[in-house]
C-alpha atoms as a PDB file:
ATOM      1  CA  MET A   1      26.904 -48.313  -3.804  1.00  0.00           C
ATOM      2  CA  GLU A   2      29.713 -46.522  -4.934  1.00  0.00           C
ATOM      3  CA  GLU A   3      31.896 -49.775  -3.953  1.00  0.00           C
ATOM      4  CA  SER A   4      29.852 -52.475  -5.456  1.00  0.00           C
ATOM      5  CA  SER A   5      29.529 -50.098  -8.623  1.00  0.00           C
ATOM      6  CA  LYS A   6      33.401 -50.678  -9.030  1.00  0.00           C
ATOM      7  CA  LYS A   7      33.019 -54.152  -9.258  1.00  0.00           C
ATOM      8  CA  LEU A   8      30.259 -53.976 -12.717  1.00  0.00           C
ATOM      9  CA  ASN A   9      30.821 -54.458 -15.632  1.00  0.00           C
ATOM     10  CA  LYS A  10      30.014 -52.197 -18.727  1.00  0.00           C
ATOM     11  CA  TRP A  11      26.901 -54.239 -19.614  1.00  0.00           C
ATOM     12  CA  GLU A  12      26.060 -54.513 -15.614  1.00  0.00           C
ATOM     13  CA  LEU A  13      26.184 -50.627 -15.254  1.00  0.00           C
ATOM     14  CA  ALA A  14      24.255 -50.245 -18.569  1.00  0.00           C
ATOM     15  CA  ARG A  15      21.244 -52.093 -17.264  1.00  0.00           C
ATOM     16  CA  TYR A  16      21.054 -48.968 -14.704  1.00  0.00           C
ATOM     17  CA  LEU A  17      21.226 -46.275 -17.503  1.00  0.00           C
ATOM     18  CA  ILE A  18      18.293 -48.298 -19.421  1.00  0.00           C
ATOM     19  CA  ASP A  19      16.415 -48.419 -16.449  1.00  0.00           C
ATOM     20  CA  ALA A  20      16.269 -45.027 -15.945  1.00  0.00           C
ATOM     21  CA  LYS A  21      15.727 -44.382 -19.793  1.00  0.00           C
ATOM     22  CA  LYS A  22      12.409 -46.579 -19.516  1.00  0.00           C
ATOM     23  CA  CYS A  23      11.475 -44.378 -16.203  1.00  0.00           C
ATOM     24  CA  VAL A  24      11.451 -41.262 -18.794  1.00  0.00           C
ATOM     25  CA  ASP A  25       9.224 -44.476 -21.104  1.00  0.00           C
ATOM     26  CA  SER A  26       7.091 -44.562 -18.083  1.00  0.00           C
ATOM     27  CA  ILE A  27       6.371 -40.533 -17.826  1.00  0.00           C
ATOM     28  CA  LEU A  28       6.313 -39.776 -21.552  1.00  0.00           C
ATOM     29  CA  PHE A  29       3.237 -42.586 -22.023  1.00  0.00           C
ATOM     30  CA  ILE A  30       1.577 -41.139 -19.056  1.00  0.00           C
ATOM     31  CA  GLU A  31       1.461 -37.939 -20.637  1.00  0.00           C
ATOM     32  CA  GLU A  32       0.099 -39.545 -24.084  1.00  0.00           C
ATOM     33  CA  ASN A  33      -2.525 -41.457 -21.627  1.00  0.00           C
ATOM     34  CA  LYS A  34      -2.960 -39.441 -18.716  1.00  0.00           C
ATOM     35  CA  SER A  35      -6.921 -39.173 -19.343  1.00  0.00           C
ATOM     36  CA  ARG A  36      -7.313 -43.080 -19.260  1.00  0.00           C
ATOM     37  CA  LEU A  37      -5.084 -43.077 -15.873  1.00  0.00           C
ATOM     38  CA  VAL A  38      -6.839 -40.415 -13.819  1.00  0.00           C
ATOM     39  CA  ASN A  39      -7.635 -43.612 -11.157  1.00  0.00           C
ATOM     40  CA  ILE A  40      -4.691 -44.552 -10.488  1.00  0.00           C
ATOM     41  CA  GLY A  41      -2.715 -41.691  -8.221  1.00  0.00           C
ATOM     42  CA  LEU A  42      -0.629 -40.378 -11.317  1.00  0.00           C
ATOM     43  CA  ARG A  43       1.209 -38.284  -8.752  1.00  0.00           C
ATOM     44  CA  ASP A  44       2.275 -41.175  -6.425  1.00  0.00           C
ATOM     45  CA  GLU A  45       3.570 -43.257  -9.852  1.00  0.00           C
ATOM     46  CA  VAL A  46       5.423 -40.318 -11.340  1.00  0.00           C
ATOM     47  CA  SER A  47       7.311 -39.803  -7.539  1.00  0.00           C
ATOM     48  CA  LEU A  48       8.171 -43.343  -7.446  1.00  0.00           C
ATOM     49  CA  LEU A  49       9.357 -43.226 -11.146  1.00  0.00           C
ATOM     50  CA  ARG A  50      11.312 -39.904 -10.684  1.00  0.00           C
ATOM     51  CA  GLN A  51      13.317 -41.950  -7.559  1.00  0.00           C
ATOM     52  CA  ARG A  52      14.218 -44.806  -9.632  1.00  0.00           C
ATOM     53  CA  PHE A  53      15.106 -42.708 -12.302  1.00  0.00           C
ATOM     54  CA  TYR A  54      17.529 -40.856 -10.206  1.00  0.00           C
ATOM     55  CA  ILE A  55      18.939 -44.099  -8.312  1.00  0.00           C
ATOM     56  CA  ASN A  56      19.904 -45.498 -11.280  1.00  0.00           C
ATOM     57  CA  CYS A  57      21.597 -42.643 -12.595  1.00  0.00           C
ATOM     58  CA  GLY A  58      23.349 -42.367  -9.911  1.00  0.00           C
ATOM     59  CA  VAL A  59      24.537 -46.023  -9.852  1.00  0.00           C
ATOM     60  CA  VAL A  60      26.251 -45.294 -13.135  1.00  0.00           C
ATOM     61  CA  LEU A  61      27.724 -41.903 -12.181  1.00  0.00           C
ATOM     62  CA  ASP A  62      29.061 -43.485  -9.211  1.00  0.00           C
ATOM     63  CA  ALA A  63      30.847 -45.983 -10.888  1.00  0.00           C
ATOM     64  CA  GLN A  64      32.448 -43.151 -13.213  1.00  0.00           C
ATOM     65  CA  PHE A  65      33.385 -40.601 -10.412  1.00  0.00           C
ATOM     66  CA  PRO A  66      34.730 -42.068  -7.017  1.00  0.00           C
ATOM     67  CA  LYS A  67      33.475 -40.208  -3.640  1.00  0.00           C
ATOM     68  CA  ARG A  68      36.553 -38.020  -3.612  1.00  0.00           C
ATOM     69  CA  GLU A  69      35.585 -36.957  -7.267  1.00  0.00           C
ATOM     70  CA  LYS A  70      31.607 -36.472  -6.899  1.00  0.00           C
ATOM     71  CA  LYS A  71      32.504 -32.726  -4.970  1.00  0.00           C
ATOM     72  CA  THR A  72      34.571 -31.794  -8.123  1.00  0.00           C
ATOM     73  CA  ILE A  73      32.076 -32.907 -11.133  1.00  0.00           C
ATOM     74  CA  CYS A  74      29.429 -31.246  -9.049  1.00  0.00           C
ATOM     75  CA  ASP A  75      30.932 -28.130  -8.744  1.00  0.00           C
ATOM     76  CA  LYS A  76      31.595 -28.322 -12.534  1.00  0.00           C
ATOM     77  CA  ASN A  77      28.467 -29.742 -13.973  1.00  0.00           C
ATOM     78  CA  GLU A  78      24.894 -28.162 -12.924  1.00  0.00           C
ATOM     79  CA  ILE A  79      23.191 -31.014 -14.321  1.00  0.00           C
ATOM     80  CA  VAL A  80      25.138 -33.715 -12.615  1.00  0.00           C
ATOM     81  CA  ARG A  81      24.469 -31.619  -9.518  1.00  0.00           C
ATOM     82  CA  ALA A  82      21.005 -31.582 -10.113  1.00  0.00           C
ATOM     83  CA  ILE A  83      20.653 -35.454 -10.713  1.00  0.00           C
ATOM     84  CA  TYR A  84      22.801 -35.926  -7.087  1.00  0.00           C
ATOM     85  CA  TYR A  85      20.670 -33.420  -5.308  1.00  0.00           C
ATOM     86  CA  GLU A  86      17.537 -35.724  -6.268  1.00  0.00           C
ATOM     87  CA  ARG A  87      18.813 -38.518  -5.525  1.00  0.00           C
ATOM     88  CA  ASP A  88      20.330 -37.544  -2.382  1.00  0.00           C
ATOM     89  CA  LYS A  89      17.698 -35.610  -0.815  1.00  0.00           C
ATOM     90  CA  ASN A  90      14.781 -37.346  -2.513  1.00  0.00           C
ATOM     91  CA  ALA A  91      14.986 -40.916  -3.900  1.00  0.00           C
ATOM     92  CA  ALA A  92      17.620 -42.188  -1.794  1.00  0.00           C
ATOM     93  CA  HIS A  93      16.247 -41.052   1.882  1.00  0.00           C
ATOM     94  CA  LYS A  94      13.819 -37.599   1.947  1.00  0.00           C
ATOM     95  CA  ASP A  95      15.535 -34.401   3.939  1.00  0.00           C
ATOM     96  CA  ILE A  96      13.557 -32.008   5.765  1.00  0.00           C
ATOM     97  CA  ASP A  97      14.872 -29.058   2.911  1.00  0.00           C
ATOM     98  CA  TYR A  98      14.483 -31.059  -0.400  1.00  0.00           C
ATOM     99  CA  ARG A  99      12.003 -28.897  -2.510  1.00  0.00           C
ATOM    100  CA  SER A 100      10.493 -30.699  -5.019  1.00  0.00           C
ATOM    101  CA  LYS A 101       9.712 -30.011  -8.767  1.00  0.00           C
ATOM    102  CA  GLU A 102       6.735 -32.394  -9.108  1.00  0.00           C
ATOM    103  CA  ASP A 103       4.430 -29.389 -10.167  1.00  0.00           C
ATOM    104  CA  GLU A 104       6.002 -29.262 -13.580  1.00  0.00           C
ATOM    105  CA  THR A 105       4.247 -30.865 -16.236  1.00  0.00           C
ATOM    106  CA  LEU A 106       5.250 -33.896 -17.169  1.00  0.00           C
ATOM    107  CA  LYS A 107       6.437 -33.444 -20.908  1.00  0.00           C
ATOM    108  CA  ALA A 108       8.465 -30.643 -19.096  1.00  0.00           C
ATOM    109  CA  MET A 109       9.814 -33.022 -16.847  1.00  0.00           C
ATOM    110  CA  ALA A 110      10.442 -35.495 -19.240  1.00  0.00           C
ATOM    111  CA  GLU A 111      12.590 -33.264 -21.281  1.00  0.00           C
ATOM    112  CA  VAL A 112      14.914 -32.484 -18.153  1.00  0.00           C
ATOM    113  CA  MET A 113      15.247 -35.989 -17.721  1.00  0.00           C
ATOM    114  CA  LYS A 114      16.378 -36.945 -21.247  1.00  0.00           C
ATOM    115  CA  LYS A 115      18.612 -33.937 -21.064  1.00  0.00           C
ATOM    116  CA  GLN A 116      20.380 -35.425 -17.645  1.00  0.00           C
ATOM    117  CA  ILE A 117      20.565 -38.787 -19.024  1.00  0.00           C
ATOM    118  CA  THR A 118      22.351 -38.084 -21.656  1.00  0.00           C
ATOM    119  CA  CYS A 119      24.490 -35.935 -19.945  1.00  0.00           C
ATOM    120  CA  VAL A 120      25.328 -39.456 -18.087  1.00  0.00           C
ATOM    121  CA  ARG A 121      25.706 -41.421 -20.790  1.00  0.00           C
ATOM    122  CA  GLU A 122      28.377 -38.702 -22.008  1.00  0.00           C
ATOM    123  CA  LEU A 123      29.999 -38.132 -18.709  1.00  0.00           C
ATOM    124  CA  CYS A 124      30.504 -41.969 -18.219  1.00  0.00           C
ATOM    125  CA  SER A 125      31.276 -43.373 -21.645  1.00  0.00           C
ATOM    126  CA  ALA A 126      34.179 -44.827 -20.178  1.00  0.00           C
ATOM    127  CA  VAL A 127      32.627 -47.581 -18.174  1.00  0.00           C
ATOM    128  CA  LEU A 128      29.577 -47.985 -20.282  1.00  0.00           C
ATOM    129  CA  PRO A 129      29.495 -49.877 -23.728  1.00  0.00           C
ATOM    130  CA  ASP A 130      30.342 -47.753 -26.819  1.00  0.00           C
ATOM    131  CA  VAL A 131      27.314 -49.419 -28.861  1.00  0.00           C
ATOM    132  CA  ILE A 132      24.312 -48.547 -26.033  1.00  0.00           C
ATOM    133  CA  THR A 133      22.030 -45.631 -27.395  1.00  0.00           C
ATOM    134  CA  LEU A 134      19.428 -44.006 -25.464  1.00  0.00           C
ATOM    135  CA  ASP A 135      16.187 -44.452 -27.459  1.00  0.00           C
ATOM    136  CA  PHE A 136      13.003 -42.503 -25.910  1.00  0.00           C
ATOM    137  CA  VAL A 137       9.859 -44.740 -26.796  1.00  0.00           C
ATOM    138  CA  ALA A 138       6.415 -43.590 -25.267  1.00  0.00           C
ATOM    139  CA  HIS A 139       5.602 -46.977 -23.286  1.00  0.00           C
ATOM    140  CA  ASP A 140       5.166 -48.580 -19.656  1.00  0.00           C
ATOM    141  CA  LYS A 141       4.274 -52.176 -19.332  1.00  0.00           C
ATOM    142  CA  LYS A 142       2.007 -52.167 -16.748  1.00  0.00           C
ATOM    143  CA  LEU A 143       0.156 -49.252 -17.592  1.00  0.00           C
ATOM    144  CA  PHE A 144      -0.226 -50.305 -20.968  1.00  0.00           C
ATOM    145  CA  ARG A 145      -2.144 -53.264 -19.967  1.00  0.00           C
ATOM    146  CA  MET A 146      -3.707 -51.692 -17.080  1.00  0.00           C
ATOM    147  CA  ILE A 147      -5.353 -49.438 -19.843  1.00  0.00           C
ATOM    148  CA  HIS A 148      -6.317 -51.947 -22.281  1.00  0.00           C
ATOM    149  CA  GLY A 149      -7.485 -54.706 -19.498  1.00  0.00           C
ATOM    150  CA  ILE A 150      -4.933 -57.341 -20.771  1.00  0.00           C
ATOM    151  CA  THR A 151      -4.766 -60.229 -18.343  1.00  0.00           C
ATOM    152  CA  PRO A 152      -2.589 -63.142 -18.775  1.00  0.00           C
ATOM    153  CA  GLU A 153      -4.991 -65.194 -20.799  1.00  0.00           C
ATOM    154  CA  ILE A 154      -5.657 -62.402 -23.140  1.00  0.00           C
ATOM    155  CA  GLU A 155      -1.860 -61.765 -23.648  1.00  0.00           C
ATOM    156  CA  GLU A 156      -1.697 -65.274 -24.463  1.00  0.00           C
ATOM    157  CA  GLN A 157      -4.350 -64.824 -27.341  1.00  0.00           C
ATOM    158  CA  ILE A 158      -2.762 -61.974 -28.662  1.00  0.00           C
ATOM    159  CA  ASN A 159       0.596 -63.606 -28.671  1.00  0.00           C
ATOM    160  CA  ARG A 160      -0.941 -66.629 -30.716  1.00  0.00           C
ATOM    161  CA  ILE A 161      -2.506 -63.764 -33.434  1.00  0.00           C
ATOM    162  CA  LYS A 162       0.677 -61.991 -33.813  1.00  0.00           C
ATOM    163  CA  HIS A 163       2.999 -65.154 -33.695  1.00  0.00           C
ATOM    164  CA  PRO A 164       1.834 -67.880 -35.601  1.00  0.00           C
ATOM    165  CA  LYS A 165       4.146 -70.364 -34.299  1.00  0.00           C
ATOM    166  CA  TYR A 166       3.897 -69.134 -31.044  1.00  0.00           C
ATOM    167  CA  GLY A 167       3.128 -72.157 -28.327  1.00  0.00           C
ATOM    168  CA  GLN A 168       4.392 -74.749 -30.796  1.00  0.00           C
ATOM    169  CA  PRO A 169       6.230 -77.700 -30.281  1.00  0.00           C
ATOM    170  CA  LEU A 170       9.613 -77.942 -31.614  1.00  0.00           C
ATOM    171  CA  PRO A 171      10.203 -79.994 -34.762  1.00  0.00           C
ATOM    172  CA  LYS A 172      10.557 -83.672 -33.699  1.00  0.00           C
ATOM    173  CA  ASP A 173      14.620 -83.584 -35.637  1.00  0.00           C
ATOM    174  CA  ALA A 174      15.163 -80.127 -33.485  1.00  0.00           C
ATOM    175  CA  THR A 175      18.502 -80.569 -31.194  1.00  0.00           C
ATOM    176  CA  LEU A 176      17.180 -80.090 -27.455  1.00  0.00           C
ATOM    177  CA  LEU A 177      20.078 -78.859 -25.194  1.00  0.00           C
ATOM    178  CA  PRO A 178      19.386 -79.522 -21.469  1.00  0.00           C
ATOM    179  CA  PRO A 179      17.875 -77.767 -19.146  1.00  0.00           C
ATOM    180  CA  ARG A 180      19.056 -74.143 -17.970  1.00  0.00           C
ATOM    181  CA  LYS A 181      18.346 -72.016 -15.283  1.00  0.00           C
ATOM    182  CA  VAL A 182      16.900 -68.359 -16.522  1.00  0.00           C
ATOM    183  CA  LEU A 183      18.713 -65.779 -15.953  1.00  0.00           C
ATOM    184  CA  ASN A 184      15.877 -62.646 -14.717  1.00  0.00           C
ATOM    185  CA  ASP A 185      18.427 -59.891 -13.717  1.00  0.00           C
ATOM    186  CA  THR A 186      21.993 -58.714 -13.944  1.00  0.00           C
ATOM    187  CA  GLU A 187      22.380 -58.096 -10.513  1.00  0.00           C
ATOM    188  CA  GLU A 188      22.167 -62.465 -10.155  1.00  0.00           C
ATOM    189  CA  ILE A 189      25.376 -62.358 -11.663  1.00  0.00           C
ATOM    190  CA  ARG A 190      27.131 -61.606  -8.442  1.00  0.00           C
ATOM    191  CA  ALA A 191      25.218 -63.545  -6.591  1.00  0.00           C
ATOM    192  CA  MET A 192      25.891 -66.894  -8.903  1.00  0.00           C
ATOM    193  CA  GLY A 193      29.745 -65.983 -10.385  1.00  0.00           C
ATOM    194  CA  SER A 194      30.120 -65.480 -14.068  1.00  0.00           C
ATOM    195  CA  ASP A 195      30.707 -69.055 -14.657  1.00  0.00           C
ATOM    196  CA  ALA A 196      27.553 -70.253 -13.373  1.00  0.00           C
ATOM    197  CA  ALA A 197      25.815 -67.127 -15.063  1.00  0.00           C
ATOM    198  CA  LYS A 198      27.121 -68.540 -18.838  1.00  0.00           C
ATOM    199  CA  GLU A 199      25.270 -71.496 -18.227  1.00  0.00           C
ATOM    200  CA  CYS A 200      22.100 -69.427 -17.955  1.00  0.00           C
ATOM    201  CA  ALA A 201      19.599 -68.792 -20.683  1.00  0.00           C
ATOM    202  CA  VAL A 202      18.109 -65.592 -21.538  1.00  0.00           C
ATOM    203  CA  ILE A 203      14.797 -65.378 -22.482  1.00  0.00           C
ATOM    204  CA  ILE A 204      13.526 -62.261 -24.939  1.00  0.00           C
ATOM    205  CA  ASP A 205       9.684 -61.959 -24.204  1.00  0.00           C
ATOM    206  CA  ALA A 206       7.004 -61.247 -26.984  1.00  0.00           C
ATOM    207  CA  GLU A 207       5.892 -57.807 -26.984  1.00  0.00           C
ATOM    208  CA  LEU A 208       2.744 -56.147 -27.318  1.00  0.00           C
ATOM    209  CA  ASN A 209       3.853 -53.689 -29.849  1.00  0.00           C
ATOM    210  CA  THR A 210       7.057 -51.734 -31.204  1.00  0.00           C
ATOM    211  CA  GLU A 211       8.103 -49.829 -28.279  1.00  0.00           C
ATOM    212  CA  GLU A 212       7.688 -52.760 -26.007  1.00  0.00           C
ATOM    213  CA  GLY A 213       9.429 -54.698 -28.411  1.00  0.00           C
ATOM    214  CA  LEU A 214      12.755 -52.483 -28.604  1.00  0.00           C
ATOM    215  CA  GLN A 215      12.540 -52.376 -24.638  1.00  0.00           C
ATOM    216  CA  ASN A 216      12.569 -56.197 -24.263  1.00  0.00           C
ATOM    217  CA  ARG A 217      15.018 -56.454 -27.237  1.00  0.00           C
ATOM    218  CA  GLN A 218      17.595 -54.306 -25.471  1.00  0.00           C
ATOM    219  CA  ASP A 219      17.031 -55.814 -21.995  1.00  0.00           C
ATOM    220  CA  GLY A 220      17.963 -59.097 -23.889  1.00  0.00           C
ATOM    221  CA  CYS A 221      21.111 -57.966 -25.031  1.00  0.00           C
ATOM    222  CA  ILE A 222      22.057 -56.347 -21.879  1.00  0.00           C
ATOM    223  CA  LYS A 223      21.983 -59.802 -19.877  1.00  0.00           C
ATOM    224  CA  ILE A 224      23.652 -61.414 -22.814  1.00  0.00           C
ATOM    225  CA  ASN A 225      25.977 -59.436 -23.135  1.00  0.00           C
ATOM    226  CA  ALA A 226      26.775 -58.975 -19.242  1.00  0.00           C
ATOM    227  CA  ILE A 227      27.100 -62.701 -19.394  1.00  0.00           C
ATOM    228  CA  HIS A 228      28.945 -63.175 -22.492  1.00  0.00           C
ATOM    229  CA  GLY A 229      31.516 -60.645 -23.074  1.00  0.00           C
ATOM    230  CA  GLN A 230      29.396 -59.717 -26.168  1.00  0.00           C
ATOM    231  CA  ASN A 231      28.452 -56.404 -27.986  1.00  0.00           C
ATOM    232  CA  MET A 232      24.926 -56.848 -29.549  1.00  0.00           C
ATOM    233  CA  TRP A 233      21.959 -54.289 -29.502  1.00  0.00           C
ATOM    234  CA  ALA A 234      19.135 -52.892 -30.545  1.00  0.00           C
ATOM    235  CA  THR A 235      18.001 -49.755 -31.988  1.00  0.00           C
ATOM    236  CA  ILE A 236      14.825 -48.556 -33.345  1.00  0.00           C
ATOM    237  CA  ASN A 237      14.404 -47.304 -36.953  1.00  0.00           C
ATOM    238  CA  GLN A 238      12.164 -44.103 -36.043  1.00  0.00           C
ATOM    239  CA  SER A 239      10.719 -43.307 -39.376  1.00  0.00           C
ATOM    240  CA  GLU A 240       9.027 -47.175 -39.213  1.00  0.00           C
ATOM    241  CA  VAL A 241       7.675 -46.354 -35.828  1.00  0.00           C
ATOM    242  CA  GLU A 242       6.100 -43.049 -37.353  1.00  0.00           C
ATOM    243  CA  LYS A 243       4.575 -45.524 -39.904  1.00  0.00           C
ATOM    244  CA  PHE A 244       2.960 -47.657 -37.323  1.00  0.00           C
ATOM    245  CA  LYS A 245       1.510 -44.609 -35.600  1.00  0.00           C
ATOM    246  CA  ARG A 246       0.108 -43.171 -38.865  1.00  0.00           C
ATOM    247  CA  LEU A 247      -1.463 -46.609 -39.497  1.00  0.00           C
ATOM    248  CA  LYS A 248      -2.860 -47.259 -35.937  1.00  0.00           C
ATOM    249  CA  GLN A 249      -4.485 -43.855 -36.220  1.00  0.00           C
ATOM    250  CA  ILE A 250      -6.343 -44.527 -39.418  1.00  0.00           C
ATOM    251  CA  GLY A 251      -7.421 -47.785 -38.466  1.00  0.00           C
ATOM    252  CA  PHE A 252      -5.296 -50.074 -40.443  1.00  0.00           C
ATOM    253  CA  LEU A 253      -3.431 -51.389 -36.837  1.00  0.00           C
ATOM    254  CA  ASP A 254      -5.154 -51.658 -33.552  1.00  0.00           C
ATOM    255  CA  ASP A 255      -2.866 -50.841 -30.258  1.00  0.00           C
ATOM    256  CA  PHE A 256      -1.426 -54.330 -30.700  1.00  0.00           C
ATOM    257  CA  GLU A 257      -0.098 -53.940 -34.160  1.00  0.00           C
ATOM    258  CA  ILE A 258      -2.935 -56.754 -35.367  1.00  0.00           C
ATOM    259  CA  PRO A 259      -3.880 -55.600 -38.957  1.00  0.00           C
ATOM    260  CA  GLN A 260      -7.685 -54.947 -39.164  1.00  0.00           C
ATOM    261  CA  LEU A 261      -9.955 -55.640 -41.835  1.00  0.00           C
ATOM    262  CA  ILE A 262     -11.069 -53.132 -44.360  1.00  0.00           C
ATOM    263  CA  PRO A 263     -13.320 -53.233 -47.046  1.00  0.00           C
ATOM    264  CA  ASP A 264     -11.623 -52.905 -50.534  1.00  0.00           C
ATOM    265  CA  ASP A 265     -13.726 -49.638 -51.318  1.00  0.00           C
ATOM    266  CA  ASP A 266     -12.764 -48.012 -48.106  1.00  0.00           C
ATOM    267  CA  PRO A 267     -10.862 -44.685 -48.912  1.00  0.00           C
ATOM    268  CA  ARG A 268      -8.547 -45.045 -46.174  1.00  0.00           C
ATOM    269  CA  TRP A 269      -7.241 -47.386 -48.784  1.00  0.00           C
ATOM    270  CA  GLU A 270      -4.825 -44.484 -50.601  1.00  0.00           C
ATOM    271  CA  GLU A 271      -3.419 -43.179 -47.275  1.00  0.00           C
ATOM    272  CA  ILE A 272      -2.085 -47.216 -46.030  1.00  0.00           C
ATOM    273  CA  LYS A 273      -0.823 -47.664 -49.413  1.00  0.00           C
ATOM    274  CA  GLU A 274       1.248 -44.273 -49.870  1.00  0.00           C
ATOM    275  CA  ILE A 275       2.418 -44.977 -45.834  1.00  0.00           C
ATOM    276  CA  LEU A 276       3.477 -48.500 -46.892  1.00  0.00           C
ATOM    277  CA  GLY A 277       5.224 -47.931 -49.705  1.00  0.00           C
ATOM    278  CA  PHE A 278       2.935 -49.533 -52.687  1.00  0.00           C
ATOM    279  CA  LYS A 279       3.441 -47.391 -56.114  1.00  0.00           C
ATOM    280  CA  PRO A 280       0.365 -47.100 -58.143  1.00  0.00           C
END
C-alpha cells in the first residue's frame, strides 16, 4: 500500500481520509438509531466500519510516513500506534493476539475514532489539501434508507418533491456537451490516466437530508479536484443544522426535510417562527 500511496495526489489521499470520516458518521448514526436497527446484526456492521476506518487512516499515514519511519512515529505517538495496531492486527488480517475493544459503547468508540482521525489530519497535513475539514454528521446512506423503507421509486418521488426541476428536460436553447464517461471513484484515475480522467464527468447526487448533502458534496469536490487540480470544498454550517433538527423535532419538517402542513392556529407556529428568525 505504501508504494501506491506515493503516487496519489493530495485529493486522491483526501478521499481515504473522508471515507474514514464517514465510518465515524455511520457509527454516530447507529448510536442514534440502534433501537431501529436491532434486526441487522449491529456488531458485524460496526466491526466492518471499524475495519474500513483503520485501513483508510493507514493509507494516509503510509503516505506521510514511509516504512522506515513507521516505527519512529509509533514510538512517539500513542494514537498512531493504536491506529496501526487496529489496522495490522485486525483490519488487514486477524492476529491471534489481537484484543478487541468492541465492548465499548458506540458513543465512546466514536469519540476515540474522532480523536484518531483528527490526529491523522494534523500529522499528515503535508500530504493532504489545506482546505479539507472533518465535519462529523450522524448519517449512513444505506441504513437511513433501510430504516425508512426507501426504494428507488420512493427516492425518485422524494427528489421530485424537494427539487421541482428534478428530471425535467433541458431548455431547447441549452448548450449540450458531448456525452462523457462518469467518474465514479478516484481510484479509476490511476487505471485510465490523468488526461483521460479530465474528460470525465462528475455527478453529485441529490440528497435526502442535510447530512447526506454534505457527504455528497464533499465526495464530488474530491473527484473534481483530483481530476482538475482545483481546491473546492464544502463544509457545514452547524447552526443551520441545529435549526433543521429542531424543525424536525416539532414536526415542521419530516425526516427528508420536506415541510409539512400545519394549521394556522397550531401553537407550534410560535416556535417555528422563532427558529426561522421571523420577527413579530
